Amino acid sequence: MTRIVYEIVKHDGGWAYRASGTYSESFSSHDAAHQAAERVAREQMAPGEAALISYEDSEGRWHKEVSAGTDRPAVKVSG
């Protein structure tokens, strides 16, 4: 299972949440950034609809598979 951690950090004169080196927009307070990260985490954990996906692997081969829509990541907000 994929795990995502949103960390609340100071950023660009305010506060933001960060995951895997990517920052959100800046918020005026730590609480506002934390609330936004919690909202995003809830959205990512919500199941979706099944969908056909296609992707290219590192060797240039294309694959097709069905994403069930229920294989959601485990998400945590830290800070």
C-alpha atoms as a PDB file:
ATOM      1  CA  MET A   1       0.000   0.000   0.000  1.00  0.00           C
ATOM      2  CA  THR A   2       1.242   3.452  -0.869  1.00  0.00           C
ATOM      3  CA  ARG A   3       1.840   5.813   2.052  1.00  0.00           C
ATOM      4  CA  ILE A   4       1.776   9.591   1.774  1.00  0.00           C
ATOM      5  CA  VAL A   5       2.827  11.942   4.574  1.00  0.00           C
ATOM      6  CA  TYR A   6       1.903  15.619   4.438  1.00  0.00           C
ATOM      7  CA  GLU A   7       4.251  17.613   6.621  1.00  0.00           C
ATOM      8  CA  ILE A   8       3.272  21.115   7.768  1.00  0.00           C
ATOM      9  CA  VAL A   9       6.249  23.464   7.218  1.00  0.00           C
ATOM     10  CA  LYS A  10       7.117  27.153   6.993  1.00  0.00           C
ATOM     11  CA  HIS A  11       7.156  28.180   3.340  1.00  0.00           C
ATOM     12  CA  ASP A  12       7.197  31.375   1.278  1.00  0.00           C
ATOM     13  CA  GLY A  13       6.453  33.686   4.206  1.00  0.00           C
ATOM     14  CA  GLY A  14       3.676  31.507   5.606  1.00  0.00           C
ATOM     15  CA  TRP A  15       2.838  27.850   6.130  1.00  0.00           C
ATOM     16  CA  ALA A  16       2.315  25.009   3.664  1.00  0.00           C
ATOM     17  CA  TYR A  17       1.981  21.253   3.527  1.00  0.00           C
ATOM     18  CA  ARG A  18       4.663  19.266   1.722  1.00  0.00           C
ATOM     19  CA  ALA A  19       4.734  15.726   0.352  1.00  0.00           C
ATOM     20  CA  SER A  20       7.651  14.134  -1.501  1.00  0.00           C
ATOM     21  CA  GLY A  21       9.352  17.528  -1.854  1.00  0.00           C
ATOM     22  CA  THR A  22       6.324  19.256  -3.388  1.00  0.00           C
ATOM     23  CA  TYR A  23       4.774  22.214  -1.561  1.00  0.00           C
ATOM     24  CA  SER A  24       1.183  23.384  -1.481  1.00  0.00           C
ATOM     25  CA  GLU A  25       0.234  27.029  -1.769  1.00  0.00           C
ATOM     26  CA  SER A  26       1.105  29.149   1.273  1.00  0.00           C
ATOM     27  CA  PHE A  27      -1.369  29.683   4.103  1.00  0.00           C
ATOM     28  CA  SER A  28      -1.345  32.478   6.664  1.00  0.00           C
ATOM     29  CA  SER A  29      -1.215  30.151   9.668  1.00  0.00           C
ATOM     30  CA  HIS A  30      -0.083  26.712  10.735  1.00  0.00           C
ATOM     31  CA  ASP A  31      -3.689  25.796  11.551  1.00  0.00           C
ATOM     32  CA  ALA A  32      -4.924  26.803   8.095  1.00  0.00           C
ATOM     33  CA  ALA A  33      -2.215  24.704   6.406  1.00  0.00           C
ATOM     34  CA  HIS A  34      -3.000  21.760   8.695  1.00  0.00           C
ATOM     35  CA  GLN A  35      -6.739  21.967   7.948  1.00  0.00           C
ATOM     36  CA  ALA A  36      -6.024  22.082   4.200  1.00  0.00           C
ATOM     37  CA  ALA A  37      -3.735  19.042   4.457  1.00  0.00           C
ATOM     38  CA  GLU A  38      -6.393  17.143   6.412  1.00  0.00           C
ATOM     39  CA  ARG A  39      -8.965  17.949   3.697  1.00  0.00           C
ATOM     40  CA  VAL A  40      -6.605  16.760   0.943  1.00  0.00           C
ATOM     41  CA  ALA A  41      -5.856  13.572   2.909  1.00  0.00           C
ATOM     42  CA  ARG A  42      -9.582  12.791   3.244  1.00  0.00           C
ATOM     43  CA  GLU A  43     -10.063  13.326  -0.495  1.00  0.00           C
ATOM     44  CA  GLN A  44      -7.170  11.016  -1.366  1.00  0.00           C
ATOM     45  CA  MET A  45      -8.471   8.235   0.855  1.00  0.00           C
ATOM     46  CA  ALA A  46     -11.996   8.363  -0.619  1.00  0.00           C
ATOM     47  CA  PRO A  47     -12.707   5.502  -3.010  1.00  0.00           C
ATOM     48  CA  GLY A  48     -13.315   6.329  -6.644  1.00  0.00           C
ATOM     49  CA  GLU A  49     -14.718   4.595  -9.695  1.00  0.00           C
ATOM     50  CA  ALA A  50     -12.995   1.768 -11.550  1.00  0.00           C
ATOM     51  CA  ALA A  51     -11.080   3.025 -14.585  1.00  0.00           C
ATOM     52  CA  LEU A  52      -8.961   1.619 -17.397  1.00  0.00           C
ATOM     53  CA  ILE A  53      -5.463   3.093 -17.205  1.00  0.00           C
ATOM     54  CA  SER A  54      -2.483   2.815 -19.516  1.00  0.00           C
ATOM     55  CA  TYR A  55       1.130   3.586 -18.702  1.00  0.00           C
ATOM     56  CA  GLU A  56       4.613   3.225 -20.149  1.00  0.00           C
ATOM     57  CA  ASP A  57       7.264   1.411 -18.111  1.00  0.00           C
ATOM     58  CA  SER A  58      10.952   2.338 -17.886  1.00  0.00           C
ATOM     59  CA  GLU A  59      11.737   0.076 -20.870  1.00  0.00           C
ATOM     60  CA  GLY A  60       9.263   1.809 -23.162  1.00  0.00           C
ATOM     61  CA  ARG A  61       6.565  -0.884 -23.061  1.00  0.00           C
ATOM     62  CA  TRP A  62       2.941   0.143 -22.709  1.00  0.00           C
ATOM     63  CA  HIS A  63       0.588  -1.610 -20.302  1.00  0.00           C
ATOM     64  CA  LYS A  64      -3.166  -1.448 -19.739  1.00  0.00           C
ATOM     65  CA  GLU A  65      -4.876  -2.398 -16.506  1.00  0.00           C
ATOM     66  CA  VAL A  66      -8.008  -1.695 -14.539  1.00  0.00           C
ATOM     67  CA  SER A  67      -7.689   0.465 -11.450  1.00  0.00           C
ATOM     68  CA  ALA A  68     -10.395  -0.681  -9.050  1.00  0.00           C
ATOM     69  CA  GLY A  69     -10.807   2.744  -7.446  1.00  0.00           C
ATOM     70  CA  THR A  70     -10.598   1.178  -3.996  1.00  0.00           C
ATOM     71  CA  ASP A  71      -6.793   0.905  -3.781  1.00  0.00           C
ATOM     72  CA  ARG A  72      -6.335   4.230  -2.003  1.00  0.00           C
ATOM     73  CA  PRO A  73      -3.116   5.298  -0.241  1.00  0.00           C
ATOM     74  CA  ALA A  74      -2.646   5.526   3.501  1.00  0.00           C
ATOM     75  CA  VAL A  75      -2.316   9.249   4.248  1.00  0.00           C
ATOM     76  CA  LYS A  76      -0.965  10.973   7.356  1.00  0.00           C
ATOM     77  CA  VAL A  77      -0.634  14.663   8.284  1.00  0.00           C
ATOM     78  CA  SER A  78       2.387  15.490  10.437  1.00  0.00           C
ATOM     79  CA  GLY A  79       3.322  18.721  12.156  1.00  0.00           C
END
